N, C-alpha and C. Protein backbone atom coordinates (compact mmCIF):
# COMPACT_ATOMS: atom_id res chain seq x y z
N MET A 1 19.16 30.16 8.64
CA MET A 1 18.76 29.00 9.53
C MET A 1 17.39 28.54 9.22
N LYS A 2 16.42 29.50 9.01
CA LYS A 2 15.02 29.10 8.64
C LYS A 2 15.00 28.28 7.37
N LEU A 3 15.80 28.67 6.37
CA LEU A 3 15.85 27.90 5.11
C LEU A 3 16.34 26.50 5.32
N VAL A 4 17.36 26.38 6.17
CA VAL A 4 17.87 25.04 6.53
C VAL A 4 16.83 24.12 7.10
N TRP A 5 15.89 24.65 8.04
CA TRP A 5 14.88 23.88 8.68
C TRP A 5 13.84 23.57 7.66
N ILE A 6 13.55 24.43 6.69
CA ILE A 6 12.58 24.09 5.72
C ILE A 6 13.01 22.92 4.82
N VAL A 7 14.14 22.99 4.38
CA VAL A 7 14.83 22.01 3.56
C VAL A 7 14.85 20.66 4.29
N PHE A 8 15.26 20.62 5.58
CA PHE A 8 15.31 19.46 6.40
C PHE A 8 13.94 18.84 6.56
N PHE A 9 12.88 19.73 6.85
CA PHE A 9 11.56 19.18 6.99
C PHE A 9 11.05 18.53 5.63
N SER A 10 11.27 19.25 4.51
CA SER A 10 10.95 18.66 3.26
C SER A 10 11.64 17.37 3.10
N LEU A 11 12.86 17.19 3.25
CA LEU A 11 13.55 15.99 3.07
C LEU A 11 12.94 14.89 4.07
N SER A 12 12.63 15.18 5.22
CA SER A 12 12.06 14.27 6.17
C SER A 12 10.72 13.70 5.76
N LEU A 13 9.94 14.56 5.06
CA LEU A 13 8.58 14.17 4.58
C LEU A 13 8.77 13.17 3.39
N GLN A 14 9.77 13.47 2.53
CA GLN A 14 10.13 12.56 1.41
C GLN A 14 10.54 11.28 2.01
N VAL A 15 11.52 11.13 3.02
CA VAL A 15 11.88 10.00 3.45
C VAL A 15 10.72 9.12 4.18
N ALA A 16 9.91 9.87 4.81
CA ALA A 16 8.77 9.14 5.50
C ALA A 16 7.82 8.56 4.53
N LYS A 17 7.71 9.21 3.38
CA LYS A 17 6.76 8.63 2.25
C LYS A 17 7.49 7.42 1.71
N ALA A 18 8.73 7.48 1.42
CA ALA A 18 9.44 6.43 0.83
C ALA A 18 9.53 5.17 1.74
N GLU A 19 9.56 5.31 3.02
CA GLU A 19 9.70 4.26 3.98
C GLU A 19 8.46 3.41 4.26
N PHE A 20 7.26 3.83 3.72
CA PHE A 20 6.03 3.09 3.93
C PHE A 20 6.30 1.63 3.35
N LEU A 21 6.64 1.46 2.16
CA LEU A 21 6.86 0.20 1.55
C LEU A 21 8.24 -0.30 1.97
N PRO A 22 8.36 -1.47 2.62
CA PRO A 22 9.64 -2.02 2.94
C PRO A 22 10.41 -2.49 1.77
N GLN A 23 11.69 -2.62 1.83
CA GLN A 23 12.49 -3.08 0.71
C GLN A 23 12.03 -4.48 0.26
N SER A 24 11.52 -5.30 1.09
CA SER A 24 10.93 -6.54 0.82
C SER A 24 9.99 -7.05 1.84
N PHE A 25 9.05 -8.00 1.37
CA PHE A 25 8.15 -8.57 2.37
C PHE A 25 7.78 -9.92 1.83
N SER A 26 7.17 -10.75 2.86
CA SER A 26 6.77 -12.04 2.53
C SER A 26 5.44 -12.34 3.40
N ALA A 27 4.60 -13.09 2.75
CA ALA A 27 3.34 -13.30 3.42
C ALA A 27 2.62 -14.53 2.86
N LYS A 28 1.80 -15.21 3.69
CA LYS A 28 0.80 -16.08 3.22
C LYS A 28 -0.48 -15.32 3.06
N PHE A 29 -1.39 -15.78 2.20
CA PHE A 29 -2.63 -15.02 2.01
C PHE A 29 -3.82 -15.85 1.68
N GLU A 30 -4.98 -15.31 1.84
CA GLU A 30 -6.23 -15.87 1.44
C GLU A 30 -6.74 -14.92 0.43
N GLN A 31 -7.13 -15.31 -0.76
CA GLN A 31 -7.57 -14.47 -1.84
C GLN A 31 -9.04 -14.71 -2.26
N GLU A 32 -9.84 -13.62 -2.52
CA GLU A 32 -11.09 -13.71 -3.14
C GLU A 32 -11.07 -12.86 -4.39
N TYR A 33 -11.74 -13.50 -5.36
CA TYR A 33 -11.85 -12.76 -6.67
C TYR A 33 -13.35 -12.59 -6.92
N ILE A 34 -13.86 -11.46 -7.00
CA ILE A 34 -15.32 -11.29 -7.21
C ILE A 34 -15.69 -10.56 -8.54
N SER A 35 -16.54 -11.14 -9.28
CA SER A 35 -17.10 -10.63 -10.54
C SER A 35 -18.35 -9.85 -10.03
N ILE A 36 -18.32 -8.55 -10.11
CA ILE A 36 -19.42 -7.71 -9.67
C ILE A 36 -20.70 -7.92 -10.53
N LEU A 37 -20.50 -8.20 -11.96
CA LEU A 37 -21.53 -8.40 -12.80
C LEU A 37 -22.33 -9.57 -12.57
N LYS A 38 -21.62 -10.75 -12.36
CA LYS A 38 -22.22 -12.00 -12.17
C LYS A 38 -22.33 -12.44 -10.80
N GLY A 39 -21.54 -11.76 -9.86
CA GLY A 39 -21.53 -12.09 -8.43
C GLY A 39 -20.86 -13.31 -8.19
N ASN A 40 -20.07 -13.95 -9.08
CA ASN A 40 -19.25 -15.07 -8.84
C ASN A 40 -18.14 -14.78 -7.90
N VAL A 41 -17.80 -15.72 -6.90
CA VAL A 41 -16.68 -15.50 -6.03
C VAL A 41 -15.80 -16.74 -6.12
N LYS A 42 -14.53 -16.45 -6.47
CA LYS A 42 -13.52 -17.46 -6.45
C LYS A 42 -12.62 -17.23 -5.28
N LYS A 43 -12.26 -18.40 -4.57
CA LYS A 43 -11.48 -18.25 -3.37
C LYS A 43 -10.18 -19.19 -3.47
N GLY A 44 -9.14 -18.70 -2.93
CA GLY A 44 -7.89 -19.49 -3.02
C GLY A 44 -6.91 -19.08 -1.80
N GLN A 45 -5.82 -19.83 -1.73
CA GLN A 45 -4.78 -19.61 -0.80
C GLN A 45 -3.37 -19.60 -1.39
N GLY A 46 -2.51 -19.04 -0.72
CA GLY A 46 -1.15 -19.03 -1.41
C GLY A 46 -0.14 -18.20 -0.58
N ALA A 47 0.97 -17.75 -1.21
CA ALA A 47 2.06 -17.09 -0.66
C ALA A 47 2.64 -16.11 -1.60
N ILE A 48 3.08 -14.95 -1.05
CA ILE A 48 3.71 -13.92 -1.91
C ILE A 48 5.03 -13.47 -1.37
N ASP A 49 6.04 -13.47 -2.17
CA ASP A 49 7.34 -12.77 -1.83
C ASP A 49 7.62 -11.63 -2.67
N TYR A 50 8.01 -10.51 -2.17
CA TYR A 50 8.28 -9.29 -3.00
C TYR A 50 9.52 -8.57 -2.56
N LYS A 51 10.21 -8.05 -3.57
CA LYS A 51 11.45 -7.26 -3.33
C LYS A 51 11.37 -6.07 -4.36
N TYR A 52 11.62 -4.87 -3.77
CA TYR A 52 11.48 -3.74 -4.62
C TYR A 52 12.86 -3.54 -5.28
N PRO A 53 12.84 -3.25 -6.64
CA PRO A 53 11.69 -3.06 -7.49
C PRO A 53 11.40 -4.28 -8.36
N SER A 54 10.13 -4.57 -8.53
CA SER A 54 9.61 -5.45 -9.65
C SER A 54 10.08 -6.96 -9.43
N ASN A 55 10.46 -7.35 -8.26
CA ASN A 55 10.64 -8.70 -8.08
C ASN A 55 9.61 -9.31 -7.22
N ILE A 56 8.99 -10.41 -7.80
CA ILE A 56 7.84 -10.94 -7.12
C ILE A 56 7.75 -12.51 -7.36
N ARG A 57 7.30 -13.22 -6.37
CA ARG A 57 6.94 -14.64 -6.53
C ARG A 57 5.62 -14.76 -5.94
N PHE A 58 4.64 -15.12 -6.77
CA PHE A 58 3.19 -15.17 -6.33
C PHE A 58 2.68 -16.53 -6.60
N GLU A 59 2.37 -17.29 -5.50
CA GLU A 59 2.02 -18.73 -5.69
C GLU A 59 0.62 -19.01 -5.13
N THR A 60 -0.23 -19.71 -5.89
CA THR A 60 -1.43 -20.22 -5.25
C THR A 60 -1.38 -21.64 -5.03
N SER A 61 -1.90 -22.13 -3.97
CA SER A 61 -1.84 -23.67 -3.71
C SER A 61 -3.24 -24.14 -3.90
N THR A 62 -4.27 -23.39 -3.68
CA THR A 62 -5.67 -23.73 -3.89
C THR A 62 -6.50 -22.56 -4.62
N PRO A 63 -7.40 -22.82 -5.45
CA PRO A 63 -7.83 -24.18 -5.90
C PRO A 63 -6.96 -24.97 -6.86
N SER A 64 -5.97 -24.29 -7.38
CA SER A 64 -4.97 -25.03 -8.32
C SER A 64 -3.63 -24.31 -8.01
N GLN A 65 -2.58 -25.06 -8.30
CA GLN A 65 -1.26 -24.58 -8.12
C GLN A 65 -0.82 -23.73 -9.34
N ILE A 66 -0.58 -22.48 -9.02
CA ILE A 66 -0.09 -21.51 -10.14
C ILE A 66 1.10 -20.82 -9.52
N ILE A 67 2.13 -20.56 -10.22
CA ILE A 67 3.31 -19.82 -9.82
C ILE A 67 3.59 -18.72 -10.89
N PHE A 68 3.69 -17.49 -10.36
CA PHE A 68 4.06 -16.42 -11.21
C PHE A 68 5.33 -15.78 -10.59
N VAL A 69 6.40 -15.71 -11.37
CA VAL A 69 7.65 -15.23 -10.92
C VAL A 69 8.18 -14.14 -11.86
N SER A 70 8.65 -13.10 -11.34
CA SER A 70 9.37 -12.06 -12.12
C SER A 70 10.47 -11.46 -11.45
N ASN A 71 11.58 -11.10 -12.16
CA ASN A 71 12.74 -10.54 -11.53
C ASN A 71 13.19 -9.17 -12.15
N GLY A 72 12.31 -8.61 -12.97
CA GLY A 72 12.67 -7.39 -13.54
C GLY A 72 13.31 -7.60 -14.98
N VAL A 73 13.66 -8.78 -15.19
CA VAL A 73 14.29 -9.06 -16.56
C VAL A 73 13.41 -10.12 -17.23
N LYS A 74 13.01 -11.24 -16.61
CA LYS A 74 12.22 -12.26 -17.18
C LYS A 74 11.04 -12.50 -16.21
N SER A 75 9.83 -12.88 -16.80
CA SER A 75 8.70 -13.42 -16.00
C SER A 75 8.42 -14.87 -16.44
N TRP A 76 7.80 -15.63 -15.49
CA TRP A 76 7.48 -16.97 -15.83
C TRP A 76 5.97 -17.15 -15.25
N TYR A 77 5.17 -17.90 -15.93
CA TYR A 77 3.84 -18.26 -15.41
C TYR A 77 3.71 -19.75 -15.57
N TYR A 78 3.68 -20.45 -14.37
CA TYR A 78 3.61 -21.89 -14.46
C TYR A 78 2.23 -22.44 -13.89
N ARG A 79 1.64 -23.39 -14.57
CA ARG A 79 0.44 -23.99 -14.13
C ARG A 79 0.82 -25.54 -13.83
N ALA A 80 0.65 -25.99 -12.63
CA ALA A 80 0.84 -27.40 -12.42
C ALA A 80 -0.19 -28.29 -13.06
N PRO A 81 0.09 -29.59 -13.31
CA PRO A 81 -0.80 -30.37 -13.95
C PRO A 81 -2.07 -30.60 -13.00
N PHE A 82 -3.23 -30.78 -13.58
CA PHE A 82 -4.42 -31.08 -12.82
C PHE A 82 -4.53 -32.47 -12.26
N ILE A 83 -3.91 -33.38 -13.12
CA ILE A 83 -3.81 -34.80 -12.79
C ILE A 83 -2.45 -35.21 -12.65
N GLU A 84 -2.11 -35.87 -11.56
CA GLU A 84 -0.77 -36.37 -11.31
C GLU A 84 -0.22 -37.21 -12.48
N GLY A 85 0.99 -36.95 -13.00
CA GLY A 85 1.47 -37.74 -14.10
C GLY A 85 1.41 -37.00 -15.44
N GLU A 86 0.46 -36.02 -15.52
CA GLU A 86 0.35 -35.25 -16.78
C GLU A 86 1.41 -34.15 -16.67
N ASP A 87 1.53 -33.36 -17.82
CA ASP A 87 2.55 -32.36 -17.93
C ASP A 87 1.95 -31.08 -17.40
N GLY A 88 2.86 -30.24 -16.74
CA GLY A 88 2.40 -28.91 -16.38
C GLY A 88 2.87 -28.01 -17.50
N GLU A 89 2.45 -26.81 -17.37
CA GLU A 89 2.74 -25.77 -18.44
C GLU A 89 3.47 -24.53 -17.94
N VAL A 90 4.44 -24.03 -18.76
CA VAL A 90 5.12 -22.78 -18.30
C VAL A 90 5.23 -21.84 -19.55
N SER A 91 4.98 -20.57 -19.31
CA SER A 91 5.34 -19.58 -20.39
C SER A 91 6.36 -18.71 -19.84
N GLU A 92 7.21 -18.13 -20.77
CA GLU A 92 8.25 -17.26 -20.27
C GLU A 92 8.23 -16.00 -21.23
N SER A 93 8.42 -14.79 -20.61
CA SER A 93 8.29 -13.60 -21.39
C SER A 93 9.27 -12.54 -20.72
N PRO A 94 9.72 -11.54 -21.54
CA PRO A 94 10.32 -10.41 -20.93
C PRO A 94 9.49 -9.80 -19.86
N ALA A 95 10.15 -9.40 -18.76
CA ALA A 95 9.45 -8.79 -17.59
C ALA A 95 8.45 -7.72 -18.01
N LYS A 96 8.93 -6.87 -18.91
CA LYS A 96 8.05 -5.71 -19.28
C LYS A 96 6.80 -6.17 -19.99
N ASP A 97 6.81 -7.32 -20.63
CA ASP A 97 5.55 -7.90 -21.22
C ASP A 97 4.77 -8.66 -20.29
N GLY A 98 5.39 -9.24 -19.22
CA GLY A 98 4.68 -10.09 -18.27
C GLY A 98 4.52 -9.43 -16.97
N SER A 99 4.63 -8.14 -16.87
CA SER A 99 4.42 -7.41 -15.65
C SER A 99 3.02 -7.53 -15.23
N SER A 100 2.77 -7.94 -13.91
CA SER A 100 1.51 -8.15 -13.37
C SER A 100 0.88 -6.87 -12.63
N VAL A 101 -0.41 -6.99 -12.44
CA VAL A 101 -1.06 -5.91 -11.66
C VAL A 101 -0.38 -5.77 -10.32
N TYR A 102 -0.03 -6.82 -9.71
CA TYR A 102 0.59 -6.81 -8.34
C TYR A 102 1.99 -6.08 -8.35
N ILE A 103 2.73 -6.37 -9.36
CA ILE A 103 4.05 -5.76 -9.49
C ILE A 103 3.85 -4.22 -9.54
N LYS A 104 3.00 -3.75 -10.46
CA LYS A 104 2.86 -2.36 -10.66
C LYS A 104 2.26 -1.70 -9.38
N PHE A 105 1.34 -2.43 -8.72
CA PHE A 105 0.75 -1.85 -7.53
C PHE A 105 1.73 -1.78 -6.38
N PHE A 106 2.48 -2.80 -6.07
CA PHE A 106 3.39 -2.76 -5.02
C PHE A 106 4.60 -1.79 -5.21
N ASP A 107 5.12 -1.78 -6.47
CA ASP A 107 6.12 -0.81 -6.77
C ASP A 107 5.59 0.65 -6.62
N SER A 108 4.38 0.89 -6.93
CA SER A 108 3.83 2.23 -6.75
C SER A 108 3.72 2.72 -5.29
N LEU A 109 3.73 1.75 -4.36
CA LEU A 109 3.59 2.10 -2.98
C LEU A 109 4.82 2.73 -2.42
N LYS A 110 5.91 2.78 -3.15
CA LYS A 110 7.03 3.49 -2.66
C LYS A 110 6.70 4.91 -2.52
N ASN A 111 5.56 5.46 -3.17
CA ASN A 111 5.23 6.92 -3.01
C ASN A 111 4.56 7.10 -1.57
N GLY A 112 4.25 6.03 -0.88
CA GLY A 112 3.69 6.23 0.46
C GLY A 112 2.17 6.54 0.45
N LEU A 113 1.66 6.84 1.69
CA LEU A 113 0.21 6.97 1.88
C LEU A 113 -0.13 8.45 1.93
N SER A 114 0.30 9.14 0.79
CA SER A 114 -0.10 10.55 0.53
C SER A 114 -0.17 10.81 -0.96
N ALA A 115 -0.85 11.75 -1.33
CA ALA A 115 -1.06 12.06 -2.74
C ALA A 115 0.23 12.25 -3.45
N ASN A 116 0.26 11.84 -4.75
CA ASN A 116 1.46 11.90 -5.52
C ASN A 116 1.02 11.90 -6.92
N SER A 117 1.99 11.79 -7.87
CA SER A 117 1.72 11.89 -9.35
C SER A 117 0.95 10.65 -9.86
N LEU A 118 0.86 9.51 -9.10
CA LEU A 118 0.22 8.36 -9.56
C LEU A 118 -1.25 8.17 -8.94
N TYR A 119 -1.42 8.61 -7.78
CA TYR A 119 -2.67 8.43 -7.08
C TYR A 119 -2.92 9.45 -5.95
N ASP A 120 -4.15 9.51 -5.55
CA ASP A 120 -4.57 10.31 -4.36
C ASP A 120 -4.91 9.31 -3.25
N VAL A 121 -4.98 9.89 -1.99
CA VAL A 121 -5.26 9.00 -0.85
C VAL A 121 -6.18 9.59 0.06
N LYS A 122 -7.17 8.83 0.57
CA LYS A 122 -8.07 9.44 1.53
C LYS A 122 -8.29 8.36 2.59
N SER A 123 -8.46 8.80 3.86
CA SER A 123 -8.68 7.88 5.02
C SER A 123 -10.26 7.56 4.97
N ALA A 124 -10.64 6.26 5.20
CA ALA A 124 -11.98 5.86 5.23
C ALA A 124 -12.43 5.35 6.62
N GLY A 125 -11.57 5.62 7.66
CA GLY A 125 -11.89 5.19 8.98
C GLY A 125 -11.67 3.76 9.21
N ASP A 126 -11.71 3.21 10.42
CA ASP A 126 -11.60 1.83 10.78
C ASP A 126 -10.31 1.24 10.23
N GLY A 127 -9.24 2.03 10.15
CA GLY A 127 -7.95 1.56 9.80
C GLY A 127 -7.87 1.31 8.25
N MET A 128 -8.79 1.99 7.45
CA MET A 128 -8.75 1.86 6.04
C MET A 128 -8.23 3.18 5.34
N HIS A 129 -7.45 2.95 4.35
CA HIS A 129 -7.02 4.07 3.49
C HIS A 129 -7.28 3.68 2.11
N VAL A 130 -7.89 4.62 1.33
CA VAL A 130 -8.34 4.38 -0.13
C VAL A 130 -7.33 5.11 -0.99
N ILE A 131 -6.68 4.30 -1.89
CA ILE A 131 -5.84 4.85 -2.89
C ILE A 131 -6.63 4.96 -4.27
N ILE A 132 -6.73 6.12 -4.74
CA ILE A 132 -7.57 6.40 -5.93
C ILE A 132 -6.54 6.73 -7.07
N PHE A 133 -6.40 5.82 -7.97
CA PHE A 133 -5.43 6.01 -9.02
C PHE A 133 -5.90 7.05 -10.11
N LYS A 134 -4.97 7.96 -10.54
CA LYS A 134 -5.29 8.94 -11.52
C LYS A 134 -5.51 8.25 -12.86
N ALA A 135 -6.30 8.88 -13.64
CA ALA A 135 -6.86 8.23 -14.88
C ALA A 135 -5.76 7.63 -15.75
N LYS A 136 -4.61 8.29 -15.92
CA LYS A 136 -3.62 7.71 -16.75
C LYS A 136 -2.98 6.47 -16.11
N THR A 137 -2.76 6.50 -14.83
CA THR A 137 -2.22 5.44 -14.12
C THR A 137 -3.14 4.25 -14.03
N ALA A 138 -4.41 4.56 -13.83
CA ALA A 138 -5.48 3.50 -13.75
C ALA A 138 -5.52 2.73 -15.08
N LYS A 139 -5.34 3.38 -16.21
CA LYS A 139 -5.41 2.81 -17.49
C LYS A 139 -4.15 1.97 -17.71
N GLU A 140 -2.90 2.48 -17.25
CA GLU A 140 -1.69 1.78 -17.39
C GLU A 140 -1.64 0.47 -16.45
N PHE A 141 -2.09 0.62 -15.20
CA PHE A 141 -2.07 -0.42 -14.23
C PHE A 141 -3.15 -1.48 -14.37
N GLY A 142 -4.26 -0.88 -14.81
CA GLY A 142 -5.50 -1.75 -14.84
C GLY A 142 -6.18 -1.73 -13.53
N ILE A 143 -5.84 -0.82 -12.64
CA ILE A 143 -6.54 -0.72 -11.28
C ILE A 143 -7.12 0.62 -11.03
N LYS A 144 -8.36 0.63 -10.62
CA LYS A 144 -9.09 1.77 -10.47
C LYS A 144 -8.89 2.37 -9.06
N GLU A 145 -8.95 1.52 -7.99
CA GLU A 145 -8.74 1.92 -6.56
C GLU A 145 -8.14 0.75 -5.79
N ALA A 146 -7.48 1.06 -4.79
CA ALA A 146 -7.02 0.06 -3.76
C ALA A 146 -7.45 0.55 -2.41
N ILE A 147 -7.98 -0.45 -1.63
CA ILE A 147 -8.23 -0.14 -0.22
C ILE A 147 -7.34 -0.93 0.72
N LEU A 148 -6.44 -0.18 1.55
CA LEU A 148 -5.67 -0.91 2.37
C LEU A 148 -6.15 -0.81 3.82
N THR A 149 -6.39 -2.09 4.29
CA THR A 149 -6.90 -2.07 5.67
C THR A 149 -5.86 -2.56 6.72
N PHE A 150 -5.70 -1.84 7.73
CA PHE A 150 -4.68 -2.05 8.84
C PHE A 150 -5.30 -2.72 10.06
N ASN A 151 -4.50 -3.22 10.97
CA ASN A 151 -4.94 -3.88 12.11
C ASN A 151 -5.79 -3.04 13.07
N SER A 152 -5.53 -1.72 13.05
CA SER A 152 -6.31 -0.79 13.80
C SER A 152 -6.28 0.57 13.20
N ALA A 153 -7.20 1.48 13.67
CA ALA A 153 -7.41 2.82 13.00
C ALA A 153 -6.13 3.57 13.15
N LYS A 154 -5.28 3.28 14.14
CA LYS A 154 -4.08 4.10 14.40
C LYS A 154 -2.86 3.62 13.47
N ASP A 155 -2.97 2.46 12.88
CA ASP A 155 -1.89 1.97 12.26
C ASP A 155 -1.75 2.53 10.79
N LYS A 156 -0.49 2.72 10.36
CA LYS A 156 -0.19 3.16 9.04
C LYS A 156 1.07 2.45 8.57
N ASP A 157 1.54 1.53 9.35
CA ASP A 157 2.82 0.84 9.11
C ASP A 157 2.52 -0.39 8.16
N PHE A 158 3.36 -0.59 7.07
CA PHE A 158 3.03 -1.73 6.32
C PHE A 158 3.11 -3.00 6.99
N SER A 159 3.86 -3.17 8.09
CA SER A 159 3.90 -4.35 8.88
C SER A 159 2.54 -4.69 9.63
N GLU A 160 1.64 -3.73 9.66
CA GLU A 160 0.37 -3.88 10.32
C GLU A 160 -0.72 -4.02 9.20
N LEU A 161 -0.32 -4.28 7.99
CA LEU A 161 -1.33 -4.36 6.84
C LEU A 161 -2.12 -5.69 7.00
N LYS A 162 -3.37 -5.65 6.99
CA LYS A 162 -4.26 -6.81 7.19
C LYS A 162 -4.84 -7.30 5.83
N LYS A 163 -5.26 -6.33 5.03
CA LYS A 163 -5.97 -6.72 3.92
C LYS A 163 -5.80 -5.68 2.78
N ILE A 164 -5.76 -6.25 1.48
CA ILE A 164 -5.78 -5.21 0.34
C ILE A 164 -6.89 -5.64 -0.63
N ASP A 165 -7.77 -4.65 -0.93
CA ASP A 165 -8.77 -4.82 -1.92
C ASP A 165 -8.43 -4.05 -3.19
N LEU A 166 -8.36 -4.62 -4.28
CA LEU A 166 -8.07 -4.01 -5.52
C LEU A 166 -9.38 -3.97 -6.36
N LEU A 167 -9.77 -2.78 -6.82
CA LEU A 167 -10.99 -2.61 -7.54
C LEU A 167 -10.51 -2.28 -8.99
N PHE A 168 -11.11 -3.02 -10.02
CA PHE A 168 -10.62 -2.96 -11.38
C PHE A 168 -11.73 -2.15 -12.13
N PRO A 169 -11.28 -1.55 -13.25
CA PRO A 169 -12.17 -0.72 -13.98
C PRO A 169 -13.38 -1.42 -14.54
N ASP A 170 -13.38 -2.76 -14.72
CA ASP A 170 -14.53 -3.47 -15.28
C ASP A 170 -15.41 -3.95 -14.13
N GLY A 171 -15.13 -3.43 -12.94
CA GLY A 171 -16.01 -3.77 -11.66
C GLY A 171 -15.65 -4.95 -10.93
N LYS A 172 -14.67 -5.76 -11.39
CA LYS A 172 -14.17 -6.95 -10.62
C LYS A 172 -13.33 -6.45 -9.36
N LYS A 173 -13.29 -7.40 -8.47
CA LYS A 173 -12.60 -7.01 -7.17
C LYS A 173 -11.77 -8.19 -6.75
N SER A 174 -10.51 -7.95 -6.34
CA SER A 174 -9.68 -8.92 -5.77
C SER A 174 -9.18 -8.53 -4.29
N THR A 175 -9.24 -9.55 -3.49
CA THR A 175 -8.98 -9.30 -2.05
C THR A 175 -7.87 -10.21 -1.59
N LEU A 176 -6.85 -9.56 -0.97
CA LEU A 176 -5.86 -10.42 -0.39
C LEU A 176 -5.75 -10.17 1.12
N ARG A 177 -6.06 -11.30 2.01
CA ARG A 177 -5.92 -11.12 3.37
C ARG A 177 -4.57 -11.68 3.78
N PHE A 178 -3.82 -10.91 4.42
CA PHE A 178 -2.48 -11.32 4.71
C PHE A 178 -2.45 -12.08 5.99
N MET A 179 -1.54 -13.12 6.17
CA MET A 179 -1.30 -13.84 7.35
C MET A 179 0.19 -14.05 7.46
N ASP A 180 0.73 -13.94 8.60
CA ASP A 180 2.22 -14.18 8.82
C ASP A 180 3.02 -13.31 7.96
N LEU A 181 2.63 -11.97 7.94
CA LEU A 181 3.46 -11.04 7.14
C LEU A 181 4.76 -10.64 7.85
N LYS A 182 5.77 -10.80 7.03
CA LYS A 182 7.17 -10.39 7.55
C LYS A 182 7.64 -9.33 6.54
N VAL A 183 8.22 -8.31 7.15
CA VAL A 183 8.94 -7.21 6.35
C VAL A 183 10.39 -7.29 6.35
N ASN A 184 10.98 -7.00 5.29
CA ASN A 184 12.50 -7.03 4.99
C ASN A 184 13.16 -8.42 5.29
N PRO A 185 12.50 -9.48 4.82
CA PRO A 185 13.28 -10.73 4.83
C PRO A 185 14.35 -10.68 3.88
N ASN A 186 15.37 -11.58 4.14
CA ASN A 186 16.47 -11.66 3.07
C ASN A 186 16.14 -12.90 2.13
N PHE A 187 16.21 -12.59 0.93
CA PHE A 187 15.77 -13.74 -0.08
C PHE A 187 17.13 -14.11 -0.72
N ASP A 188 17.22 -15.36 -1.01
CA ASP A 188 18.44 -15.83 -1.76
C ASP A 188 18.27 -15.49 -3.26
N ALA A 189 19.37 -15.63 -3.92
CA ALA A 189 19.44 -15.15 -5.36
C ALA A 189 18.48 -15.85 -6.28
N GLN A 190 18.07 -17.09 -5.89
CA GLN A 190 17.24 -17.80 -6.76
C GLN A 190 15.70 -17.69 -6.46
N LYS A 191 15.32 -16.89 -5.44
CA LYS A 191 13.94 -16.72 -5.16
C LYS A 191 13.19 -16.20 -6.28
N PHE A 192 13.70 -15.25 -7.11
CA PHE A 192 13.00 -14.67 -8.15
C PHE A 192 13.35 -15.18 -9.54
N ASN A 193 13.84 -16.41 -9.59
CA ASN A 193 14.09 -17.09 -10.79
C ASN A 193 13.33 -18.32 -10.73
N PHE A 194 12.86 -18.88 -11.91
CA PHE A 194 12.10 -20.01 -11.95
C PHE A 194 12.65 -21.14 -12.77
N VAL A 195 12.77 -22.26 -12.17
CA VAL A 195 13.25 -23.58 -12.90
C VAL A 195 12.10 -24.49 -12.89
N ALA A 196 11.66 -24.79 -14.14
CA ALA A 196 10.42 -25.70 -14.29
C ALA A 196 10.75 -27.02 -13.87
N PRO A 197 9.86 -27.73 -13.10
CA PRO A 197 9.97 -29.19 -12.75
C PRO A 197 9.99 -30.08 -13.92
N PRO A 198 10.33 -31.28 -13.80
CA PRO A 198 10.31 -32.25 -14.86
C PRO A 198 8.85 -32.36 -15.44
N LYS A 199 8.79 -32.82 -16.63
CA LYS A 199 7.42 -32.95 -17.28
C LYS A 199 6.61 -31.67 -17.34
N THR A 200 7.31 -30.67 -17.77
CA THR A 200 6.68 -29.29 -17.91
C THR A 200 6.86 -28.93 -19.46
N LYS A 201 5.79 -28.54 -20.18
CA LYS A 201 5.90 -28.19 -21.50
C LYS A 201 5.82 -26.61 -21.52
N LYS A 202 6.61 -26.10 -22.48
CA LYS A 202 6.68 -24.66 -22.69
C LYS A 202 5.68 -24.22 -23.65
N THR A 203 4.89 -23.19 -23.30
CA THR A 203 3.91 -22.61 -24.18
C THR A 203 4.29 -21.14 -24.56
N ASN A 204 3.65 -20.59 -25.55
CA ASN A 204 3.87 -19.20 -25.89
C ASN A 204 3.06 -18.29 -25.02
């Protein structure tokens, strides 16, 4: 009987870890991208849709319209024209070649908020949890650390996630502040496919 309880407890821990990342989520965001060396700050706004594994639609509306879409098979990167009437640009690649930092990061969160083969986790107080990627993963992902900030110190639920800071090996930092975060929305089949609008030229 003791062995049964040990096995049950172990399985419960694994399920709890896996359930941190929902199967899908959708949010609007404000973004800041900071160059530590020069101190330059770029700000923008947009929206993100994600479905595990490796499906993402990442759109910025300001300062310029950019759309990145990947569905695990293909990836598209679209830049809208700066001046109305000009051509936009789109590039297409196999998903494995166009996999973004955000895809790798969100997919990795299936491991939950506890130490695993990809990263270590420590609490930093005030609702913050620091994910420290192991050397091999940091090199593969291009991310050194991630700081997840929740709405309160007691929160550890993805639905209560307020902000994500990604720290890169070169010292740069990207911040996403979530607004209107929804977990487990149902996406239609075309959400993670991209059809270029008229007057779009294809680039390599």
